[in-house]
Protein backbone atom coordinates (compact mmCIF):
# COMPACT_ATOMS: atom_id res chain seq x y z
CA UNK A 1 13.84 15.95 23.62
CA UNK A 2 14.56 12.73 25.40
CA UNK A 3 15.44 9.51 23.60
CA UNK A 4 12.04 8.09 24.48
CA UNK A 5 10.24 11.10 23.00
CA UNK A 6 12.34 10.90 19.84
CA UNK A 7 11.63 7.20 19.47
CA UNK A 8 7.92 7.79 20.00
CA UNK A 9 7.93 10.53 17.37
CA UNK A 10 9.68 8.29 14.83
CA UNK A 11 7.28 5.44 15.53
CA UNK A 12 4.29 7.73 14.96
CA UNK A 13 5.75 8.92 11.64
CA UNK A 14 6.30 5.33 10.53
CA UNK A 15 2.70 4.46 11.36
CA UNK A 16 1.39 7.40 9.32
CA UNK A 17 3.55 6.40 6.37
CA UNK A 18 2.37 2.80 6.60
CA UNK A 19 -1.28 3.92 6.65
CA UNK A 20 -0.67 5.97 3.50
CA UNK A 21 0.90 2.96 1.79
CA UNK A 22 -2.05 0.77 2.76
CA UNK A 23 -4.54 3.33 1.44
CA UNK A 24 -2.56 3.60 -1.79
CA UNK A 25 -2.52 -0.18 -2.17
CA UNK A 26 -6.27 -0.37 -1.62
CA UNK A 27 -6.82 2.32 -4.25
CA UNK A 28 -4.61 0.40 -6.70
CA UNK A 29 -6.58 -2.79 -6.06
CA UNK A 30 -9.86 -0.99 -6.66
CA UNK A 31 -8.56 0.44 -9.94
CA UNK A 32 -7.49 -3.02 -11.12
CA UNK A 33 -10.80 -4.50 -10.10
CA UNK A 34 -12.73 -1.70 -11.82
CA UNK A 35 -10.64 -1.98 -15.00
CA UNK A 36 -10.83 -5.75 -15.34
CA UNK A 37 -14.16 -6.36 -13.65
CA UNK A 38 -15.09 -10.00 -13.48
CA UNK A 39 -12.31 -11.10 -15.82
CA UNK A 40 -10.33 -13.19 -13.35
CA UNK A 41 -7.57 -14.08 -15.80
CA UNK A 42 -6.82 -10.42 -16.56
CA UNK A 43 -6.73 -9.57 -12.86
CA UNK A 44 -4.35 -12.44 -12.17
CA UNK A 45 -2.12 -11.43 -15.06
CA UNK A 46 -1.86 -7.87 -13.76
CA UNK A 47 -1.76 -8.62 -10.04
CA UNK A 48 2.05 -8.79 -10.14
CA UNK A 49 2.23 -5.06 -10.90
CA UNK A 50 0.15 -4.28 -7.86
CA UNK A 51 2.16 -6.61 -5.61
CA UNK A 52 5.45 -5.17 -6.79
CA UNK A 53 4.07 -1.70 -6.08
CA UNK A 54 3.41 -2.67 -2.48
CA UNK A 55 6.93 -3.89 -1.80
CA UNK A 56 8.80 -1.38 -3.92
CA UNK A 57 6.52 1.60 -3.36
């Protein structure tokens, strides 16, 4: 496998992983929204958990 092929393969894997993280983040957001509905204060209070999950997940 050439260096270019290896790099392309790694890039594709990174893209797939990033897509999974984005889907997971969207699912987390939907769960928070479903749990706290229209209660904006509760969503704001718990948004930190979701944000930390994005960067640390």
